[in-house]
Amino acid sequence: MTRATVESLASAIVESASLILKLIDECPDHLWNEKAGKWPIWQHLAHCASASNFFLPGERVPLAPGLTEALVDFEVVGTEPVSKDALRASFKAAQIKLDNFLAPLKDEDLSKDNQHLKAYGLDWSIVKTLSLVSGHFYYHLGNADAVLRSHGHQGIF
């Protein structure tokens, strides 16, 4: 039983997650509420932190103080920023959930269905889920990166 492919996918997720934490740490305070598209940077990152509740089975990661399901699901545009400390803690809790999901996986598990997502009407395999977790993080990072660069700051990538 090998884990070479699982570990390769996991490394992409770990890299994108570390960039989210870097963005939380390095985003200038005056840009924290700046919008990328329709939503502020902090809301993009809150959405990423809550994504493990959508993508993965298991106990729900609690939302950071000040967040609601409507905010993290992009049903409403946030106006009051969530603190970086609260968002960092929420994202780290999501990382633990993801690590716990990845820990027992073997390469032969990757083609299996993600039973959790079937409840949402999605017929995704585990490998598709893991690929999209990383891609999802990069998408939202790209939005925030564009805001930083458009204001003369170094990007996060």
Protein backbone atom coordinates (compact mmCIF):
# COMPACT_ATOMS: atom_id res chain seq x y z
CA MET A 1 0.00 0.00 0.00
CA THR A 2 1.60 3.15 -1.21
CA ARG A 3 0.95 6.81 -0.45
CA ALA A 4 3.11 8.46 -3.12
CA THR A 5 0.19 10.06 -4.96
CA VAL A 6 -1.61 10.99 -1.74
CA GLU A 7 1.54 12.69 -0.49
CA SER A 8 1.97 14.54 -3.78
CA LEU A 9 -1.60 15.86 -3.61
CA ALA A 10 -1.17 16.66 0.08
CA SER A 11 1.94 18.71 -0.64
CA ALA A 12 -0.02 20.93 -3.04
CA ILE A 13 -2.68 21.47 -0.38
CA VAL A 14 -0.09 22.19 2.31
CA GLU A 15 1.62 24.72 0.03
CA SER A 16 -1.60 26.55 -0.80
CA ALA A 17 -2.66 26.49 2.86
CA SER A 18 0.68 27.93 3.94
CA LEU A 19 0.18 30.76 1.46
CA ILE A 20 -3.21 31.54 2.99
CA LEU A 21 -1.60 31.77 6.43
CA LYS A 22 1.16 33.94 4.94
CA LEU A 23 -1.49 36.22 3.42
CA ILE A 24 -3.28 36.52 6.76
CA ASP A 25 0.02 37.50 8.37
CA GLU A 26 1.24 39.87 5.65
CA CYS A 27 -1.87 41.55 4.30
CA PRO A 28 -1.64 45.23 5.25
CA ASP A 29 -4.40 46.15 7.67
CA HIS A 30 -5.64 48.92 5.39
CA LEU A 31 -6.31 46.31 2.65
CA TRP A 32 -7.91 43.62 4.86
CA ASN A 33 -11.39 44.90 3.97
CA GLU A 34 -10.51 45.76 0.34
CA LYS A 35 -12.65 43.93 -2.18
CA ALA A 36 -11.42 41.42 -4.71
CA GLY A 37 -14.33 41.06 -7.07
CA LYS A 38 -17.38 41.43 -4.88
CA TRP A 39 -15.94 40.30 -1.53
CA PRO A 40 -13.30 41.65 0.85
CA ILE A 41 -10.01 39.81 1.24
CA TRP A 42 -10.89 38.59 4.73
CA GLN A 43 -14.13 37.08 3.40
CA HIS A 44 -12.28 35.17 0.67
CA LEU A 45 -10.07 33.68 3.38
CA ALA A 46 -12.97 32.95 5.73
CA HIS A 47 -14.60 31.10 2.85
CA CYS A 48 -11.43 29.00 2.46
CA ALA A 49 -11.32 28.23 6.18
CA SER A 50 -14.89 26.97 6.10
CA ALA A 51 -14.41 24.96 2.91
CA SER A 52 -13.36 21.83 4.81
CA ASN A 53 -16.95 21.64 6.08
CA PHE A 54 -18.12 21.38 2.48
CA PHE A 55 -15.40 19.19 1.00
CA LEU A 56 -14.74 16.77 3.86
CA PRO A 57 -16.72 14.48 6.14
CA GLY A 58 -16.43 14.72 9.88
CA GLU A 59 -17.06 17.21 12.62
CA ARG A 60 -17.68 20.73 11.40
CA VAL A 61 -14.95 23.29 11.96
CA PRO A 62 -16.52 26.13 13.95
CA LEU A 63 -16.72 29.50 12.30
CA ALA A 64 -14.48 32.26 13.60
CA PRO A 65 -16.22 34.81 15.85
CA GLY A 66 -18.10 37.32 13.74
CA LEU A 67 -18.70 34.91 10.88
CA THR A 68 -21.98 33.41 9.76
CA GLU A 69 -22.80 30.71 7.23
CA ALA A 70 -24.16 33.44 4.94
CA LEU A 71 -20.79 35.23 5.01
CA VAL A 72 -18.62 32.18 4.40
CA ASP A 73 -20.97 30.91 1.69
CA PHE A 74 -20.83 34.30 -0.12
CA GLU A 75 -24.56 34.82 0.24
CA VAL A 76 -23.92 38.32 1.62
CA VAL A 77 -21.03 40.73 1.29
CA GLY A 78 -19.18 41.26 4.55
CA THR A 79 -18.75 44.76 5.87
CA GLU A 80 -17.20 44.22 9.32
CA PRO A 81 -13.83 42.49 9.01
CA VAL A 82 -13.02 39.44 11.08
CA SER A 83 -9.77 39.71 13.00
CA LYS A 84 -6.68 38.13 11.55
CA ASP A 85 -6.14 36.17 14.78
CA ALA A 86 -9.64 34.67 14.66
CA LEU A 87 -9.33 33.82 11.00
CA ARG A 88 -5.88 32.28 11.49
CA ALA A 89 -7.23 30.07 14.30
CA SER A 90 -10.20 29.02 12.19
CA PHE A 91 -7.99 28.17 9.24
CA LYS A 92 -5.61 26.16 11.44
CA ALA A 93 -8.60 24.15 12.74
CA ALA A 94 -9.57 23.46 9.12
CA GLN A 95 -6.02 22.28 8.44
CA ILE A 96 -6.27 19.81 11.31
CA LYS A 97 -9.49 18.42 9.84
CA LEU A 98 -7.80 18.09 6.47
CA ASP A 99 -4.72 16.42 8.00
CA ASN A 100 -6.96 13.93 9.79
CA PHE A 101 -8.72 13.15 6.53
CA LEU A 102 -5.43 12.65 4.68
CA ALA A 103 -3.65 10.60 7.35
CA PRO A 104 -5.24 7.19 6.67
CA LEU A 105 -5.53 7.57 2.87
CA LYS A 106 -3.67 5.23 0.58
CA ASP A 107 -3.25 5.68 -3.16
CA GLU A 108 -5.86 3.01 -3.85
CA ASP A 109 -8.42 5.10 -1.93
CA LEU A 110 -8.13 8.02 -4.33
CA SER A 111 -10.50 6.60 -6.93
CA LYS A 112 -13.22 5.97 -4.34
CA ASP A 113 -16.27 8.20 -4.16
CA ASN A 114 -16.37 11.06 -1.70
CA GLN A 115 -19.55 9.94 0.05
CA HIS A 116 -19.81 13.24 1.92
CA LEU A 117 -20.22 15.21 -1.31
CA LYS A 118 -22.91 12.88 -2.62
CA ALA A 119 -25.23 14.59 -0.13
CA TYR A 120 -24.68 17.78 -2.18
CA GLY A 121 -25.41 15.94 -5.43
CA LEU A 122 -21.74 15.82 -6.46
CA ASP A 123 -20.24 12.63 -7.84
CA TRP A 124 -16.62 13.36 -6.95
CA SER A 125 -13.81 10.95 -6.23
CA ILE A 126 -11.37 11.51 -3.39
CA VAL A 127 -8.66 12.54 -5.88
CA LYS A 128 -10.95 15.12 -7.48
CA THR A 129 -11.84 16.46 -4.04
CA LEU A 130 -8.20 16.85 -3.02
CA SER A 131 -7.29 18.48 -6.32
CA LEU A 132 -10.12 20.96 -5.96
CA VAL A 133 -9.27 21.80 -2.35
CA SER A 134 -5.86 23.00 -3.46
CA GLY A 135 -7.27 24.72 -6.55
CA HIS A 136 -9.95 26.38 -4.45
CA PHE A 137 -7.35 27.83 -2.10
CA TYR A 138 -5.26 29.11 -5.03
CA TYR A 139 -8.29 30.73 -6.65
CA HIS A 140 -9.04 32.81 -3.56
CA LEU A 141 -5.35 33.54 -3.01
CA GLY A 142 -5.18 34.86 -6.56
CA ASN A 143 -8.02 37.28 -5.87
CA ALA A 144 -6.26 38.62 -2.79
CA ASP A 145 -2.89 38.69 -4.57
CA ALA A 146 -4.38 40.91 -7.28
CA VAL A 147 -5.59 43.39 -4.65
CA LEU A 148 -2.16 43.55 -3.03
CA ARG A 149 -0.39 44.11 -6.35
CA SER A 150 -2.94 46.68 -7.55
CA HIS A 151 -2.10 48.72 -4.45
CA GLY A 152 1.67 48.56 -5.03
CA HIS A 153 2.43 45.76 -2.57
CA GLN A 154 4.38 42.61 -3.24
CA GLY A 155 2.09 39.71 -4.10
CA ILE A 156 1.75 36.69 -1.89
CA PHE A 157 3.08 34.25 -4.53
